[in-house]
C-alpha cells in the first residue's frame, strides 16, 4: 500500500434517512415553482412528502431533494423513480447520505 493510500480516510457510512436526492432534472424548460409542484405530485404517489427543495442556482440546477415522512417510503420512491421519464428526461434518484434538511 502506498503512503498516499494510507492517508486517505475511510469512507463513513451514514444510515438511510427520509430524504432522496434527484438529479438530471430539466432546468431550462420549467420554472422553479412549477418544478417543485410537479415533483411533489409525482413523489407523493409513494407516500407523504414533507418538502421538495429545488433551487435554480448554477450549482443546484437540475437537482432536487425530496423529504418523506419515513425511511421506508423514501426507499420505495427512490427505487421506483430511478430512470423514470420526468418531463422528457430520465431521472436519477439516490438516497441522500446526510441531510441538513432532516437533521
N, C-alpha and C. Protein backbone atom coordinates (compact mmCIF):
# COMPACT_ATOMS: atom_id res chain seq x y z
N UNK A 1 0.85 -1.17 0.00
CA UNK A 1 0.00 0.00 0.00
C UNK A 1 0.90 1.23 0.00
N UNK A 2 0.58 2.19 -0.87
CA UNK A 2 1.40 3.39 -0.96
C UNK A 2 1.13 4.32 0.22
N UNK A 3 2.04 5.25 0.42
CA UNK A 3 1.88 6.21 1.52
C UNK A 3 0.66 7.09 1.30
N UNK A 4 0.38 7.42 0.05
CA UNK A 4 -0.79 8.25 -0.26
C UNK A 4 -2.09 7.51 0.09
N UNK A 5 -2.14 6.22 -0.19
CA UNK A 5 -3.34 5.44 0.10
C UNK A 5 -3.58 5.33 1.60
N UNK A 6 -2.52 5.31 2.39
CA UNK A 6 -2.67 5.23 3.85
C UNK A 6 -3.28 6.49 4.43
N UNK A 7 -3.08 7.63 3.76
CA UNK A 7 -3.57 8.91 4.27
C UNK A 7 -5.02 9.20 3.89
N UNK A 8 -5.61 8.37 3.04
CA UNK A 8 -6.99 8.59 2.64
C UNK A 8 -7.91 8.08 3.74
N UNK A 9 -8.79 8.94 4.26
CA UNK A 9 -9.68 8.49 5.33
C UNK A 9 -10.70 7.49 4.80
N UNK A 10 -11.10 6.58 5.67
CA UNK A 10 -12.12 5.60 5.29
C UNK A 10 -13.44 6.31 5.07
N UNK A 11 -14.20 5.83 4.10
CA UNK A 11 -15.50 6.44 3.81
C UNK A 11 -16.47 6.12 4.94
N UNK A 12 -17.09 7.15 5.45
CA UNK A 12 -18.03 6.97 6.55
C UNK A 12 -19.38 6.54 5.99
N UNK A 13 -19.99 5.59 6.64
CA UNK A 13 -21.30 5.11 6.22
C UNK A 13 -22.37 5.76 7.09
N UNK A 14 -23.29 6.44 6.44
CA UNK A 14 -24.39 7.08 7.16
C UNK A 14 -25.62 6.20 7.05
N UNK A 15 -26.46 6.17 8.07
CA UNK A 15 -27.68 5.38 7.99
C UNK A 15 -28.64 6.01 6.97
N UNK A 16 -29.53 5.22 6.38
CA UNK A 16 -30.51 5.77 5.45
C UNK A 16 -31.39 6.80 6.17
N UNK A 17 -31.90 7.75 5.41
CA UNK A 17 -32.83 8.70 6.00
C UNK A 17 -33.98 8.95 5.04
N UNK A 18 -34.84 9.87 5.37
CA UNK A 18 -36.06 10.06 4.60
C UNK A 18 -35.93 11.05 3.44
N UNK A 19 -34.73 11.47 3.11
CA UNK A 19 -34.51 12.40 2.01
C UNK A 19 -33.90 11.67 0.82
N UNK A 20 -34.50 11.87 -0.36
CA UNK A 20 -33.88 11.34 -1.57
C UNK A 20 -33.37 12.50 -2.41
N UNK A 21 -32.33 12.25 -3.15
CA UNK A 21 -31.66 13.24 -3.98
C UNK A 21 -31.93 12.86 -5.43
N UNK A 22 -32.48 13.78 -6.20
CA UNK A 22 -32.83 13.51 -7.59
C UNK A 22 -32.02 14.43 -8.49
N UNK A 23 -31.42 13.84 -9.53
CA UNK A 23 -30.65 14.63 -10.49
C UNK A 23 -31.16 14.38 -11.90
N UNK A 24 -30.57 15.09 -12.84
CA UNK A 24 -30.90 15.03 -14.27
C UNK A 24 -32.31 15.56 -14.53
N UNK A 25 -32.71 16.57 -13.77
CA UNK A 25 -34.00 17.21 -13.98
C UNK A 25 -33.86 18.31 -15.01
N UNK A 26 -34.93 18.59 -15.77
CA UNK A 26 -34.85 19.69 -16.74
C UNK A 26 -34.75 21.01 -15.98
N UNK A 27 -33.80 21.84 -16.35
CA UNK A 27 -33.64 23.10 -15.61
C UNK A 27 -34.06 24.31 -16.43
N UNK A 28 -33.98 24.23 -17.74
CA UNK A 28 -34.29 25.40 -18.56
C UNK A 28 -35.76 25.43 -18.98
N UNK A 29 -36.41 24.30 -19.01
CA UNK A 29 -37.76 24.21 -19.54
C UNK A 29 -38.86 24.64 -18.58
N UNK A 30 -38.58 24.71 -17.30
CA UNK A 30 -39.64 24.84 -16.31
C UNK A 30 -39.21 25.80 -15.19
N UNK A 31 -40.17 26.55 -14.68
CA UNK A 31 -39.92 27.46 -13.56
C UNK A 31 -39.76 26.66 -12.27
N UNK A 32 -39.06 27.24 -11.31
CA UNK A 32 -38.78 26.55 -10.05
C UNK A 32 -40.05 26.11 -9.33
N UNK A 33 -41.03 26.98 -9.22
CA UNK A 33 -42.27 26.63 -8.52
C UNK A 33 -43.03 25.52 -9.24
N UNK A 34 -43.02 25.56 -10.57
CA UNK A 34 -43.68 24.50 -11.34
C UNK A 34 -42.95 23.18 -11.17
N UNK A 35 -41.62 23.22 -11.14
CA UNK A 35 -40.82 22.01 -10.93
C UNK A 35 -41.12 21.40 -9.56
N UNK A 36 -41.16 22.23 -8.54
CA UNK A 36 -41.46 21.75 -7.19
C UNK A 36 -42.86 21.12 -7.14
N UNK A 37 -43.83 21.77 -7.78
CA UNK A 37 -45.20 21.26 -7.78
C UNK A 37 -45.28 19.92 -8.52
N UNK A 38 -44.63 19.82 -9.68
CA UNK A 38 -44.64 18.57 -10.45
C UNK A 38 -43.95 17.44 -9.68
N UNK A 39 -42.82 17.75 -9.04
CA UNK A 39 -42.12 16.74 -8.24
C UNK A 39 -42.97 16.31 -7.05
N UNK A 40 -43.61 17.26 -6.41
CA UNK A 40 -44.46 16.93 -5.27
C UNK A 40 -45.59 15.99 -5.70
N UNK A 41 -46.23 16.32 -6.82
CA UNK A 41 -47.33 15.49 -7.32
C UNK A 41 -46.85 14.08 -7.63
N UNK A 42 -45.72 13.97 -8.31
CA UNK A 42 -45.18 12.66 -8.66
C UNK A 42 -44.75 11.89 -7.42
N UNK A 43 -43.97 12.52 -6.57
CA UNK A 43 -43.39 11.83 -5.41
C UNK A 43 -44.42 11.48 -4.35
N UNK A 44 -45.49 12.24 -4.25
CA UNK A 44 -46.49 11.96 -3.23
C UNK A 44 -47.31 10.71 -3.56
N UNK A 45 -47.17 10.16 -4.75
CA UNK A 45 -47.86 8.90 -5.06
C UNK A 45 -47.26 7.74 -4.28
N UNK A 46 -46.05 7.92 -3.74
CA UNK A 46 -45.38 6.86 -2.97
C UNK A 46 -45.57 7.01 -1.47
N UNK A 47 -46.04 8.17 -1.02
CA UNK A 47 -46.26 8.40 0.39
C UNK A 47 -46.21 9.88 0.71
N UNK A 48 -46.42 10.23 1.99
CA UNK A 48 -46.45 11.63 2.40
C UNK A 48 -45.11 12.34 2.18
N UNK A 49 -45.15 13.44 1.44
CA UNK A 49 -43.97 14.26 1.18
C UNK A 49 -44.02 15.47 2.10
N UNK A 50 -42.95 15.67 2.86
CA UNK A 50 -42.89 16.82 3.76
C UNK A 50 -42.40 18.07 3.06
N UNK A 51 -41.45 17.92 2.13
CA UNK A 51 -40.89 19.09 1.45
C UNK A 51 -40.20 18.67 0.16
N UNK A 52 -40.18 19.59 -0.78
CA UNK A 52 -39.42 19.43 -2.02
C UNK A 52 -38.55 20.67 -2.15
N UNK A 53 -37.25 20.46 -2.21
CA UNK A 53 -36.30 21.57 -2.34
C UNK A 53 -35.68 21.48 -3.72
N UNK A 54 -35.98 22.48 -4.55
CA UNK A 54 -35.41 22.56 -5.90
C UNK A 54 -34.97 24.00 -6.11
N UNK A 55 -33.69 24.21 -6.26
CA UNK A 55 -33.14 25.55 -6.44
C UNK A 55 -32.71 25.74 -7.89
N UNK A 56 -32.68 26.97 -8.35
CA UNK A 56 -32.29 27.25 -9.73
C UNK A 56 -30.92 27.91 -9.83
N UNK A 57 -30.15 27.89 -8.77
CA UNK A 57 -28.82 28.48 -8.83
C UNK A 57 -27.94 27.65 -9.76
N UNK A 58 -26.86 28.21 -10.25
CA UNK A 58 -25.97 27.49 -11.16
C UNK A 58 -25.49 26.18 -10.56
N UNK A 59 -25.19 26.18 -9.29
CA UNK A 59 -24.66 24.99 -8.62
C UNK A 59 -25.72 23.90 -8.44
N UNK A 60 -26.97 24.29 -8.27
CA UNK A 60 -28.03 23.32 -7.95
C UNK A 60 -29.00 23.05 -9.11
N UNK A 61 -28.72 23.58 -10.30
CA UNK A 61 -29.63 23.35 -11.43
C UNK A 61 -29.78 21.87 -11.72
N UNK A 62 -30.99 21.46 -12.02
CA UNK A 62 -31.25 20.08 -12.40
C UNK A 62 -31.23 19.09 -11.24
N UNK A 63 -31.28 19.59 -10.01
CA UNK A 63 -31.23 18.73 -8.83
C UNK A 63 -32.38 19.08 -7.89
N UNK A 64 -32.78 18.12 -7.08
CA UNK A 64 -33.82 18.38 -6.07
C UNK A 64 -33.65 17.39 -4.93
N UNK A 65 -34.16 17.79 -3.78
CA UNK A 65 -34.22 16.92 -2.61
C UNK A 65 -35.69 16.78 -2.24
N UNK A 66 -36.12 15.56 -2.03
CA UNK A 66 -37.50 15.29 -1.64
C UNK A 66 -37.45 14.64 -0.26
N UNK A 67 -38.16 15.24 0.69
CA UNK A 67 -38.17 14.75 2.06
C UNK A 67 -39.50 14.04 2.32
N UNK A 68 -39.40 12.76 2.68
CA UNK A 68 -40.56 11.95 3.03
C UNK A 68 -40.71 11.88 4.54
N UNK A 69 -41.86 11.40 4.98
CA UNK A 69 -42.11 11.28 6.42
C UNK A 69 -41.30 10.15 7.04
N UNK A 70 -41.06 9.06 6.28
CA UNK A 70 -40.33 7.94 6.86
C UNK A 70 -39.36 7.33 5.85
N UNK A 71 -38.44 6.55 6.37
CA UNK A 71 -37.36 5.97 5.57
C UNK A 71 -37.90 4.94 4.58
N UNK A 72 -38.87 4.14 4.99
CA UNK A 72 -39.39 3.09 4.11
C UNK A 72 -40.01 3.69 2.85
N UNK A 73 -40.77 4.75 3.02
CA UNK A 73 -41.40 5.41 1.88
C UNK A 73 -40.34 6.02 0.97
N UNK A 74 -39.34 6.65 1.56
CA UNK A 74 -38.27 7.25 0.76
C UNK A 74 -37.53 6.19 -0.04
N UNK A 75 -37.28 5.04 0.57
CA UNK A 75 -36.58 3.95 -0.12
C UNK A 75 -37.42 3.42 -1.28
N UNK A 76 -38.71 3.24 -1.05
CA UNK A 76 -39.61 2.77 -2.09
C UNK A 76 -39.65 3.76 -3.26
N UNK A 77 -39.78 5.04 -2.96
CA UNK A 77 -39.83 6.06 -4.00
C UNK A 77 -38.51 6.13 -4.77
N UNK A 78 -37.40 6.05 -4.06
CA UNK A 78 -36.09 6.11 -4.70
C UNK A 78 -35.95 5.00 -5.73
N UNK A 79 -36.34 3.81 -5.38
CA UNK A 79 -36.24 2.67 -6.30
C UNK A 79 -37.18 2.83 -7.49
N UNK A 80 -38.39 3.30 -7.24
CA UNK A 80 -39.39 3.44 -8.30
C UNK A 80 -39.04 4.57 -9.27
N UNK A 81 -38.44 5.63 -8.77
CA UNK A 81 -38.16 6.80 -9.61
C UNK A 81 -36.85 6.69 -10.39
N UNK A 82 -36.03 5.72 -10.07
CA UNK A 82 -34.76 5.55 -10.78
C UNK A 82 -35.05 5.29 -12.26
N UNK A 83 -34.61 6.19 -13.12
CA UNK A 83 -34.80 6.05 -14.56
C UNK A 83 -36.18 6.48 -15.05
N UNK A 84 -37.01 7.03 -14.18
CA UNK A 84 -38.36 7.48 -14.54
C UNK A 84 -38.27 8.65 -15.51
N UNK A 85 -39.08 8.64 -16.55
CA UNK A 85 -39.10 9.74 -17.53
C UNK A 85 -39.92 10.88 -16.94
N UNK A 86 -39.24 11.96 -16.61
CA UNK A 86 -39.87 13.12 -15.99
C UNK A 86 -39.63 14.33 -16.87
N UNK A 87 -40.69 14.82 -17.51
CA UNK A 87 -40.62 15.97 -18.40
C UNK A 87 -39.55 15.78 -19.48
N UNK A 88 -39.49 14.57 -20.01
CA UNK A 88 -38.59 14.29 -21.12
C UNK A 88 -37.17 13.92 -20.74
N UNK A 89 -36.87 13.80 -19.46
CA UNK A 89 -35.52 13.43 -19.02
C UNK A 89 -35.61 12.25 -18.07
N UNK A 90 -34.59 11.39 -18.12
CA UNK A 90 -34.55 10.22 -17.26
C UNK A 90 -33.99 10.62 -15.89
N UNK A 91 -34.82 10.49 -14.86
CA UNK A 91 -34.42 10.89 -13.51
C UNK A 91 -33.39 9.92 -12.94
N UNK A 92 -32.50 10.45 -12.12
CA UNK A 92 -31.56 9.64 -11.36
C UNK A 92 -31.85 9.93 -9.90
N UNK A 93 -32.24 8.91 -9.15
CA UNK A 93 -32.56 9.12 -7.74
C UNK A 93 -31.67 8.25 -6.88
N UNK A 94 -31.31 8.79 -5.73
CA UNK A 94 -30.49 8.03 -4.77
C UNK A 94 -30.77 8.55 -3.37
N UNK A 95 -30.37 7.76 -2.40
CA UNK A 95 -30.57 8.22 -1.02
C UNK A 95 -29.55 9.32 -0.73
N UNK A 96 -29.97 10.24 0.08
CA UNK A 96 -29.09 11.34 0.45
C UNK A 96 -28.38 10.92 1.72
N UNK A 97 -27.06 10.77 1.66
CA UNK A 97 -26.32 10.17 2.77
C UNK A 97 -26.36 11.01 4.05
N UNK A 98 -26.46 12.31 3.92
CA UNK A 98 -26.59 13.14 5.11
C UNK A 98 -27.42 14.34 4.73
N UNK A 99 -28.41 14.64 5.50
CA UNK A 99 -29.31 15.72 5.15
C UNK A 99 -29.43 16.73 6.27
N UNK A 100 -29.10 17.96 5.96
CA UNK A 100 -29.34 19.04 6.91
C UNK A 100 -30.82 19.37 6.95
N UNK A 101 -31.55 18.93 5.93
CA UNK A 101 -32.98 19.20 5.88
C UNK A 101 -33.73 18.40 6.93
N UNK A 102 -33.22 17.22 7.28
CA UNK A 102 -33.91 16.39 8.26
C UNK A 102 -33.16 16.30 9.58
N UNK A 103 -31.96 16.83 9.64
CA UNK A 103 -31.15 16.73 10.86
C UNK A 103 -31.62 17.73 11.90
